[in-house]
N, C-alpha and C. Protein backbone atom coordinates (compact mmCIF):
# COMPACT_ATOMS: atom_id res chain seq x y z
N UNK A 1 -19.53 -31.70 -13.39
CA UNK A 1 -18.96 -31.47 -12.08
C UNK A 1 -18.67 -30.03 -11.77
N UNK A 2 -18.07 -29.36 -12.64
CA UNK A 2 -17.57 -27.97 -12.52
C UNK A 2 -18.91 -27.14 -12.59
N UNK A 3 -19.93 -27.58 -13.46
CA UNK A 3 -21.19 -26.72 -13.47
C UNK A 3 -21.90 -26.88 -12.26
N UNK A 4 -21.81 -28.09 -11.54
CA UNK A 4 -22.61 -28.19 -10.26
C UNK A 4 -22.03 -27.40 -9.15
N UNK A 5 -20.58 -27.30 -9.23
CA UNK A 5 -19.84 -26.52 -8.17
C UNK A 5 -20.38 -25.07 -8.40
N UNK A 6 -20.29 -24.59 -9.64
CA UNK A 6 -20.72 -23.08 -9.94
C UNK A 6 -22.04 -22.92 -9.46
N UNK A 7 -23.00 -23.75 -9.76
CA UNK A 7 -24.31 -23.67 -9.26
C UNK A 7 -24.44 -23.52 -7.83
N UNK A 8 -23.74 -24.29 -7.19
CA UNK A 8 -23.82 -24.42 -5.60
C UNK A 8 -23.22 -23.11 -5.14
N UNK A 9 -22.15 -22.52 -5.66
CA UNK A 9 -21.62 -21.44 -5.29
C UNK A 9 -22.63 -20.24 -5.44
N UNK A 10 -23.17 -20.22 -6.60
CA UNK A 10 -24.28 -19.19 -6.91
C UNK A 10 -25.51 -19.20 -5.93
N UNK A 11 -25.92 -20.47 -5.56
CA UNK A 11 -27.01 -20.43 -4.70
C UNK A 11 -26.67 -20.09 -3.34
N UNK A 12 -25.54 -20.46 -2.85
CA UNK A 12 -25.03 -20.04 -1.44
C UNK A 12 -24.83 -18.43 -1.56
N UNK A 13 -24.37 -17.83 -2.47
CA UNK A 13 -24.34 -16.44 -2.55
C UNK A 13 -25.57 -15.86 -2.63
N UNK A 14 -26.43 -16.26 -3.33
CA UNK A 14 -27.91 -15.68 -3.35
C UNK A 14 -28.56 -15.80 -1.96
N UNK A 15 -28.39 -16.96 -1.31
CA UNK A 15 -28.94 -17.12 0.01
C UNK A 15 -28.36 -16.24 1.05
N UNK A 16 -26.91 -15.99 1.02
CA UNK A 16 -26.32 -15.20 1.81
C UNK A 16 -26.76 -13.67 1.62
N UNK A 17 -26.96 -13.33 0.40
CA UNK A 17 -27.42 -11.89 0.16
C UNK A 17 -28.58 -11.63 0.71
N UNK A 18 -29.56 -12.55 0.45
CA UNK A 18 -31.01 -12.27 0.85
C UNK A 18 -31.08 -12.61 2.49
N UNK A 19 -30.20 -13.30 3.00
CA UNK A 19 -30.28 -13.47 4.50
C UNK A 19 -29.66 -12.11 5.27
N UNK A 20 -28.70 -11.54 4.52
CA UNK A 20 -28.14 -10.13 5.08
C UNK A 20 -29.13 -9.17 4.96
N UNK A 21 -29.84 -9.16 3.82
CA UNK A 21 -31.07 -8.18 3.61
C UNK A 21 -32.12 -8.39 4.74
N UNK A 22 -32.50 -9.59 5.11
CA UNK A 22 -33.45 -10.05 5.97
C UNK A 22 -33.10 -9.66 7.34
N UNK A 23 -31.82 -9.85 7.65
CA UNK A 23 -31.45 -9.64 9.19
C UNK A 23 -31.49 -8.02 9.45
N UNK A 24 -31.32 -7.18 8.39
CA UNK A 24 -31.40 -5.66 8.69
C UNK A 24 -32.89 -5.50 9.26
N UNK A 25 -33.85 -5.99 8.73
CA UNK A 25 -35.23 -5.83 9.04
C UNK A 25 -35.53 -4.54 8.62
N UNK A 26 -37.00 -4.21 8.81
CA UNK A 26 -37.51 -2.89 8.46
C UNK A 26 -37.06 -1.90 9.47
N UNK A 27 -36.86 -0.59 9.03
CA UNK A 27 -36.31 0.47 9.97
C UNK A 27 -37.61 0.98 10.76
N UNK A 28 -37.48 1.20 11.95
CA UNK A 28 -38.54 1.67 12.77
C UNK A 28 -39.01 3.05 12.29
N UNK A 29 -40.34 3.20 12.28
CA UNK A 29 -40.87 4.54 11.77
C UNK A 29 -40.82 5.75 12.96
N UNK A 30 -40.79 5.25 14.16
CA UNK A 30 -40.75 6.27 15.22
C UNK A 30 -40.08 5.46 16.47
N UNK A 31 -39.73 6.39 17.41
CA UNK A 31 -39.10 5.92 18.50
C UNK A 31 -39.44 6.81 19.64
N UNK A 32 -39.66 6.09 20.91
CA UNK A 32 -39.88 6.86 22.08
C UNK A 32 -38.61 7.26 22.79
N UNK A 33 -37.57 6.77 22.35
CA UNK A 33 -36.24 7.26 22.90
C UNK A 33 -35.71 8.51 22.39
N UNK A 34 -35.06 9.35 23.24
CA UNK A 34 -34.66 10.47 22.52
C UNK A 34 -33.45 10.33 21.68
N UNK A 35 -33.09 11.18 20.70
CA UNK A 35 -32.18 10.94 19.67
C UNK A 35 -30.71 10.97 20.31
N UNK A 36 -29.87 10.04 19.83
CA UNK A 36 -28.60 9.98 20.28
C UNK A 36 -27.81 11.19 19.74
N UNK A 37 -27.07 11.92 20.60
CA UNK A 37 -26.24 12.89 20.06
C UNK A 37 -24.81 12.70 20.58
N UNK A 38 -23.73 12.96 19.86
CA UNK A 38 -22.54 12.63 20.26
C UNK A 38 -21.72 13.86 20.40
N UNK A 39 -22.32 14.98 20.57
CA UNK A 39 -21.68 16.30 20.91
C UNK A 39 -22.35 17.37 20.02
N UNK A 40 -21.57 18.39 20.00
CA UNK A 40 -22.00 19.50 19.21
C UNK A 40 -22.25 19.23 17.87
N UNK A 41 -23.21 19.86 17.09
CA UNK A 41 -23.28 19.58 15.64
C UNK A 41 -22.23 20.57 14.96
N UNK A 42 -21.44 19.94 14.06
CA UNK A 42 -20.50 20.34 13.25
C UNK A 42 -20.86 20.86 11.88
N UNK A 43 -20.41 21.98 11.62
CA UNK A 43 -20.61 22.50 10.21
C UNK A 43 -19.34 22.21 9.39
N UNK A 44 -19.53 21.71 8.09
CA UNK A 44 -18.51 21.59 7.32
C UNK A 44 -17.53 22.90 7.09
N UNK A 45 -16.26 22.77 7.05
CA UNK A 45 -15.39 23.83 6.69
C UNK A 45 -15.38 24.93 7.88
N UNK A 46 -15.04 26.19 7.46
CA UNK A 46 -14.94 27.17 8.46
C UNK A 46 -13.48 27.64 8.65
N UNK A 47 -13.43 28.54 9.63
CA UNK A 47 -12.09 29.13 9.97
C UNK A 47 -11.66 28.62 11.27
N UNK A 48 -10.37 28.61 11.40
CA UNK A 48 -9.81 28.16 12.80
C UNK A 48 -9.41 29.46 13.50
N UNK A 49 -10.02 29.60 14.69
CA UNK A 49 -9.75 30.92 15.50
C UNK A 49 -8.19 30.76 15.94
N UNK A 50 -7.63 31.89 16.11
CA UNK A 50 -6.17 31.94 16.56
C UNK A 50 -5.78 31.07 17.81
N UNK A 51 -6.56 31.02 18.77
CA UNK A 51 -6.37 30.13 19.90
C UNK A 51 -6.24 28.74 19.72
N UNK A 52 -7.19 28.27 18.87
CA UNK A 52 -7.29 26.82 18.28
C UNK A 52 -5.97 26.49 17.59
N UNK A 53 -5.71 27.51 16.69
CA UNK A 53 -4.57 27.25 15.82
C UNK A 53 -3.29 27.07 16.67
N UNK A 54 -3.12 27.99 17.77
CA UNK A 54 -2.04 27.98 18.70
C UNK A 54 -1.88 26.51 19.11
N UNK A 55 -3.00 26.19 19.70
CA UNK A 55 -2.78 24.88 20.42
C UNK A 55 -2.59 23.78 19.56
N UNK A 56 -3.06 23.73 18.30
CA UNK A 56 -2.79 22.65 17.32
C UNK A 56 -1.29 22.62 17.00
N UNK A 57 -0.66 23.94 16.67
CA UNK A 57 0.73 23.97 16.49
C UNK A 57 1.58 23.63 17.47
N UNK A 58 1.34 23.99 18.68
CA UNK A 58 2.03 23.90 19.95
C UNK A 58 2.12 22.36 20.28
N UNK A 59 0.88 21.69 20.17
CA UNK A 59 0.89 20.31 20.29
C UNK A 59 1.63 19.42 19.38
N UNK A 60 1.58 19.75 18.09
CA UNK A 60 2.46 19.17 17.12
C UNK A 60 3.89 19.27 17.47
N UNK A 61 4.24 20.43 17.76
CA UNK A 61 5.71 20.96 17.97
C UNK A 61 6.30 20.10 19.33
N UNK A 62 5.41 20.05 20.32
CA UNK A 62 5.90 19.52 21.58
C UNK A 62 5.62 18.01 21.76
N UNK A 63 4.57 17.40 21.06
CA UNK A 63 4.33 16.07 21.17
C UNK A 63 4.61 15.27 20.17
N UNK A 64 4.31 15.57 18.89
CA UNK A 64 4.68 14.77 17.74
C UNK A 64 6.21 14.68 17.47
N UNK A 65 6.95 15.85 17.76
CA UNK A 65 8.41 15.83 17.64
C UNK A 65 9.01 15.46 19.06
N UNK A 66 8.27 15.24 20.06
CA UNK A 66 8.88 14.87 21.31
C UNK A 66 9.84 15.72 22.01
N UNK A 67 9.60 17.03 21.64
CA UNK A 67 10.48 18.11 22.27
C UNK A 67 10.07 18.57 23.53
N UNK A 68 8.84 18.64 23.95
CA UNK A 68 8.36 19.17 25.07
C UNK A 68 7.10 18.45 25.69
N UNK A 69 7.43 17.15 26.11
CA UNK A 69 6.23 16.35 26.44
C UNK A 69 5.32 16.78 27.55
N UNK A 70 6.02 17.47 28.54
CA UNK A 70 5.04 17.96 29.50
C UNK A 70 3.91 18.93 29.05
N UNK A 71 4.45 19.83 28.04
CA UNK A 71 3.57 20.84 27.53
C UNK A 71 2.42 20.06 26.70
N UNK A 72 2.93 19.02 25.87
CA UNK A 72 1.90 18.34 25.09
C UNK A 72 0.89 17.54 26.12
N UNK A 73 1.33 17.12 27.28
CA UNK A 73 0.38 16.58 28.23
C UNK A 73 -0.83 17.39 28.54
N UNK A 74 -0.30 18.66 28.94
CA UNK A 74 -1.20 19.74 29.28
C UNK A 74 -2.14 20.09 28.25
N UNK A 75 -1.66 19.96 26.95
CA UNK A 75 -2.69 20.44 25.67
C UNK A 75 -3.48 19.29 25.32
N UNK A 76 -3.42 17.97 25.89
CA UNK A 76 -4.17 16.88 25.58
C UNK A 76 -5.42 16.76 26.50
N UNK A 77 -6.48 16.25 26.13
CA UNK A 77 -7.65 16.04 27.02
C UNK A 77 -7.33 14.67 27.51
N UNK A 78 -8.01 14.48 28.72
CA UNK A 78 -8.02 13.16 29.51
C UNK A 78 -8.40 11.93 28.52
N UNK A 79 -9.27 12.22 27.55
CA UNK A 79 -9.60 11.05 26.48
C UNK A 79 -8.30 10.66 25.86
N UNK A 80 -7.48 11.58 25.30
CA UNK A 80 -6.34 11.29 24.57
C UNK A 80 -5.19 10.70 25.40
N UNK A 81 -5.17 11.13 26.56
CA UNK A 81 -4.12 10.76 27.56
C UNK A 81 -4.36 9.42 28.26
N UNK A 82 -5.72 8.94 28.04
CA UNK A 82 -6.23 7.89 28.88
C UNK A 82 -5.38 6.52 28.55
N UNK A 83 -4.82 6.37 27.34
CA UNK A 83 -4.13 5.13 27.05
C UNK A 83 -2.77 5.14 27.75
N UNK A 84 -2.30 6.09 28.25
CA UNK A 84 -0.99 6.01 28.96
C UNK A 84 -1.12 6.83 30.29
N UNK A 85 -0.15 6.55 31.15
CA UNK A 85 0.03 7.37 32.41
C UNK A 85 0.73 8.68 32.01
N UNK A 86 0.90 9.49 32.92
CA UNK A 86 1.61 10.73 32.88
C UNK A 86 3.25 10.44 32.65
N UNK A 87 3.58 9.35 33.64
CA UNK A 87 4.90 8.95 33.44
C UNK A 87 5.38 8.44 32.17
N UNK A 88 4.43 7.57 31.53
CA UNK A 88 4.74 6.94 30.26
C UNK A 88 4.81 8.06 29.22
N UNK A 89 3.85 8.87 29.37
CA UNK A 89 3.83 10.12 28.34
C UNK A 89 5.10 10.86 28.36
N UNK A 90 5.65 11.25 29.59
CA UNK A 90 6.77 11.98 29.68
C UNK A 90 8.03 11.12 29.31
N UNK A 91 8.00 9.83 29.24
CA UNK A 91 9.17 9.13 28.73
C UNK A 91 8.89 8.95 27.03
N UNK A 92 7.89 9.55 26.55
CA UNK A 92 7.84 9.50 25.11
C UNK A 92 6.78 8.45 24.56
N UNK A 93 6.15 7.68 25.47
CA UNK A 93 5.31 6.62 25.02
C UNK A 93 3.90 7.18 24.85
N UNK A 94 3.74 7.95 23.88
CA UNK A 94 2.42 8.52 23.54
C UNK A 94 1.74 7.64 22.70
N UNK A 95 0.35 7.83 22.64
CA UNK A 95 -0.62 7.01 21.70
C UNK A 95 -0.42 7.28 20.23
N UNK A 96 0.65 7.93 19.86
CA UNK A 96 0.88 8.03 18.37
C UNK A 96 2.48 8.00 18.19
N UNK A 97 2.98 7.54 17.07
CA UNK A 97 4.22 7.41 16.86
C UNK A 97 4.96 8.91 16.63
N UNK A 98 6.22 9.15 17.01
CA UNK A 98 6.91 10.41 16.55
C UNK A 98 7.08 10.68 15.04
N UNK A 99 7.10 11.88 14.82
CA UNK A 99 7.32 12.26 13.30
C UNK A 99 8.08 13.44 13.33
N UNK A 100 9.21 13.40 12.42
CA UNK A 100 10.19 14.63 12.50
C UNK A 100 9.71 15.54 11.40
N UNK A 101 8.78 16.50 12.00
CA UNK A 101 8.35 17.55 11.00
C UNK A 101 9.31 18.47 10.57
N UNK A 102 9.34 18.75 9.19
CA UNK A 102 10.35 19.60 8.64
C UNK A 102 10.11 20.88 9.21
N UNK A 103 8.93 21.38 9.22
CA UNK A 103 8.53 22.80 9.79
C UNK A 103 7.12 23.03 9.58
N UNK A 104 6.48 23.55 10.59
CA UNK A 104 5.16 23.79 10.40
C UNK A 104 4.87 24.87 9.42
N UNK A 105 5.66 25.60 8.87
CA UNK A 105 5.49 26.55 7.84
C UNK A 105 5.03 25.76 6.59
N UNK A 106 5.56 24.75 6.37
CA UNK A 106 5.13 23.69 5.24
C UNK A 106 3.87 22.88 5.46
N UNK A 107 3.27 22.92 6.60
CA UNK A 107 2.13 22.13 7.04
C UNK A 107 0.91 22.87 6.41
N UNK A 108 0.00 22.05 5.92
CA UNK A 108 -1.26 22.47 5.46
C UNK A 108 -2.29 21.88 6.23
N UNK A 109 -3.44 22.44 6.48
CA UNK A 109 -4.40 21.83 7.10
C UNK A 109 -5.75 22.28 6.58
N UNK A 110 -6.77 21.37 6.71
CA UNK A 110 -8.23 21.65 6.31
C UNK A 110 -9.10 21.51 7.41
N UNK A 111 -9.97 22.38 7.57
CA UNK A 111 -11.20 22.17 8.63
C UNK A 111 -12.14 21.34 7.98
N UNK A 112 -12.32 20.12 8.53
CA UNK A 112 -13.34 19.20 8.15
C UNK A 112 -14.71 19.58 8.65
N UNK A 113 -14.72 20.05 9.94
CA UNK A 113 -16.09 20.40 10.62
C UNK A 113 -15.80 21.25 11.85
N UNK A 114 -16.63 22.14 12.20
CA UNK A 114 -16.41 22.97 13.35
C UNK A 114 -17.71 23.29 13.93
N UNK A 115 -17.64 23.76 15.34
CA UNK A 115 -18.57 24.16 16.09
C UNK A 115 -17.95 25.15 17.08
N UNK A 116 -18.66 25.88 17.75
CA UNK A 116 -18.00 26.59 18.81
C UNK A 116 -17.15 25.85 19.97
N UNK A 117 -17.39 24.54 19.98
CA UNK A 117 -16.76 23.74 21.10
C UNK A 117 -15.98 22.65 20.50
N UNK A 118 -16.02 22.54 19.22
CA UNK A 118 -15.20 21.31 18.59
C UNK A 118 -14.80 21.63 17.17
N UNK A 119 -13.48 21.19 16.90
CA UNK A 119 -13.01 21.43 15.40
C UNK A 119 -12.43 20.19 15.06
N UNK A 120 -12.84 19.72 13.76
CA UNK A 120 -12.09 18.49 13.25
C UNK A 120 -11.21 18.97 12.07
N UNK A 121 -9.95 18.49 12.13
CA UNK A 121 -8.87 19.09 11.26
C UNK A 121 -8.19 17.89 10.62
N UNK A 122 -7.83 18.12 9.30
CA UNK A 122 -6.98 17.16 8.58
C UNK A 122 -5.60 18.01 8.50
N UNK A 123 -4.53 17.47 8.85
CA UNK A 123 -3.26 18.19 8.94
C UNK A 123 -2.23 17.43 8.09
N UNK A 124 -1.70 17.97 7.10
CA UNK A 124 -0.82 17.42 6.23
C UNK A 124 0.68 17.86 6.64
N UNK A 125 1.55 16.99 7.08
CA UNK A 125 2.83 17.28 7.49
C UNK A 125 3.85 16.59 6.53
N UNK A 126 4.87 17.42 6.44
CA UNK A 126 6.05 17.04 5.63
C UNK A 126 7.26 16.69 6.58
N UNK A 127 7.95 15.74 6.40
CA UNK A 127 9.04 15.24 7.29
C UNK A 127 10.27 15.96 6.99
N UNK A 128 11.30 15.87 7.86
CA UNK A 128 12.52 16.46 7.65
C UNK A 128 13.15 15.72 6.48
N UNK A 129 14.01 16.40 5.70
CA UNK A 129 14.74 15.82 4.56
C UNK A 129 15.49 14.65 5.07
N UNK A 130 15.53 13.38 4.14
CA UNK A 130 16.41 12.44 4.54
C UNK A 130 16.19 11.74 5.75
N UNK A 131 14.90 12.02 6.24
CA UNK A 131 14.51 11.29 7.57
C UNK A 131 14.01 9.90 7.29
N UNK A 132 13.67 9.42 5.98
CA UNK A 132 13.08 8.18 5.68
C UNK A 132 11.55 8.29 5.96
N UNK A 133 10.99 9.23 6.32
CA UNK A 133 9.52 9.36 6.50
C UNK A 133 8.93 10.04 5.20
N UNK A 134 7.74 9.71 5.04
CA UNK A 134 6.90 10.23 3.94
C UNK A 134 5.86 11.30 4.39
N UNK A 135 5.42 12.29 3.48
CA UNK A 135 4.52 13.06 4.04
C UNK A 135 3.29 12.37 4.48
N UNK A 136 2.76 12.95 5.56
CA UNK A 136 1.66 12.04 6.22
C UNK A 136 0.47 12.97 6.61
N UNK A 137 -0.68 12.38 6.35
CA UNK A 137 -1.90 13.21 6.91
C UNK A 137 -2.37 12.70 8.33
N UNK A 138 -2.61 13.57 9.13
CA UNK A 138 -3.05 13.34 10.33
C UNK A 138 -4.51 13.91 10.62
N UNK A 139 -5.34 13.27 11.45
CA UNK A 139 -6.58 13.71 11.83
C UNK A 139 -6.41 14.23 13.20
N UNK A 140 -6.91 15.42 13.57
CA UNK A 140 -6.79 16.05 14.71
C UNK A 140 -8.16 16.69 15.08
N UNK A 141 -8.58 16.57 16.42
CA UNK A 141 -9.75 17.13 16.95
C UNK A 141 -9.34 17.99 18.23
N UNK A 142 -9.79 19.21 18.01
CA UNK A 142 -9.82 20.13 19.13
C UNK A 142 -11.08 20.38 19.91
N UNK A 143 -11.15 20.36 21.28
CA UNK A 143 -12.39 20.50 21.94
C UNK A 143 -12.16 21.43 23.03
N UNK A 144 -13.24 22.06 23.56
CA UNK A 144 -13.21 22.73 24.73
C UNK A 144 -14.66 22.59 25.37
N UNK A 145 -14.78 22.66 26.73
CA UNK A 145 -15.99 22.64 27.57
C UNK A 145 -16.90 23.58 27.25
N UNK A 146 -16.47 24.80 27.16
CA UNK A 146 -17.19 26.00 26.80
C UNK A 146 -16.58 26.78 25.92
N UNK A 147 -17.34 27.74 25.41
CA UNK A 147 -16.82 28.71 24.45
C UNK A 147 -15.78 29.69 25.04
N UNK A 148 -15.72 29.85 26.35
CA UNK A 148 -14.50 30.52 27.08
C UNK A 148 -13.44 29.71 27.48
N UNK A 149 -13.66 28.39 27.42
CA UNK A 149 -12.52 27.58 27.97
C UNK A 149 -11.51 27.28 26.86
N UNK A 150 -10.21 26.85 27.40
CA UNK A 150 -9.20 26.61 26.45
C UNK A 150 -9.39 25.50 25.56
N UNK A 151 -8.79 25.40 24.37
CA UNK A 151 -8.76 24.44 23.46
C UNK A 151 -7.97 23.36 24.03
N UNK A 152 -8.09 22.04 23.62
CA UNK A 152 -7.33 20.85 24.12
C UNK A 152 -7.45 19.94 22.84
N UNK A 153 -6.46 19.25 22.65
CA UNK A 153 -6.39 18.20 21.58
C UNK A 153 -7.03 16.78 22.21
N UNK A 154 -8.20 16.37 21.61
CA UNK A 154 -8.85 15.09 22.16
C UNK A 154 -8.57 13.88 21.22
N UNK A 155 -8.09 14.16 20.01
CA UNK A 155 -7.87 12.98 19.06
C UNK A 155 -6.63 13.44 18.18
N UNK A 156 -5.82 12.68 17.98
CA UNK A 156 -4.66 12.79 17.08
C UNK A 156 -4.13 11.44 16.62
N UNK A 157 -4.25 11.17 15.43
CA UNK A 157 -3.70 10.09 14.77
C UNK A 157 -3.38 10.21 13.30
N UNK A 158 -2.42 9.52 12.67
CA UNK A 158 -2.35 9.51 11.20
C UNK A 158 -3.51 8.83 10.67
N UNK A 159 -3.83 9.42 9.54
CA UNK A 159 -4.84 8.77 8.75
C UNK A 159 -4.34 7.55 7.93
N UNK A 160 -5.03 6.45 8.06
CA UNK A 160 -4.71 5.33 7.28
C UNK A 160 -5.93 4.66 6.70
N UNK A 161 -6.01 4.77 5.37
CA UNK A 161 -7.18 4.23 4.77
C UNK A 161 -7.20 2.69 4.87
N UNK A 162 -8.35 2.18 4.83
CA UNK A 162 -8.38 0.67 5.00
C UNK A 162 -7.41 -0.19 3.97
N UNK A 163 -6.79 -1.05 4.75
CA UNK A 163 -5.77 -1.80 3.96
C UNK A 163 -4.37 -1.36 3.97
N UNK A 164 -4.24 -0.07 4.31
CA UNK A 164 -2.90 0.66 4.09
C UNK A 164 -1.66 0.09 4.82
N UNK A 165 -2.12 -0.53 6.05
CA UNK A 165 -0.96 -1.16 6.82
C UNK A 165 -0.94 -2.64 6.79
N UNK A 166 -1.62 -3.29 5.76
CA UNK A 166 -1.52 -4.69 5.72
C UNK A 166 -0.26 -5.03 5.11
N UNK A 167 0.23 -6.33 5.55
CA UNK A 167 1.47 -6.99 4.95
C UNK A 167 1.26 -7.40 3.69
N UNK A 168 2.09 -7.08 2.74
CA UNK A 168 2.02 -7.65 1.43
C UNK A 168 2.18 -9.16 1.34
N UNK A 169 1.44 -9.87 0.40
CA UNK A 169 1.47 -11.37 0.45
C UNK A 169 2.47 -11.92 -0.62
């Protein structure tokens, strides 16, 4: 009986595997549609220009710590602000949780990718002592419409690897 159940499970697994492979189908060799682009091409690494760094620091100081919400609203793009109204934002109902940053002097960041109009940043923040928070990595994206336009924050959330926030069983 156990052998029969094992064989059945094996057959079902093999069929599911081949079915998933068959569903993918062959990849097209050419397309008449133009290639899909999601914005500027980003080069890995790079340096953060002073104006972009200033916006990153001011956004964290004003928005993440909830000290100057009107200023953080001005530094955010409409995409980042779209989840809430200005009134909600000014009440502190931002699309990310507050975090008691110890000081940005202790913050470290890495440039994941950059272009003249977009920068992807990993920001590592240390909380105030005895706050109950743990050091946290945030993902932040700075964008601007043109190379002479001001930088704005278009994405800002703590990084959470898959399964990080699941309830223990």
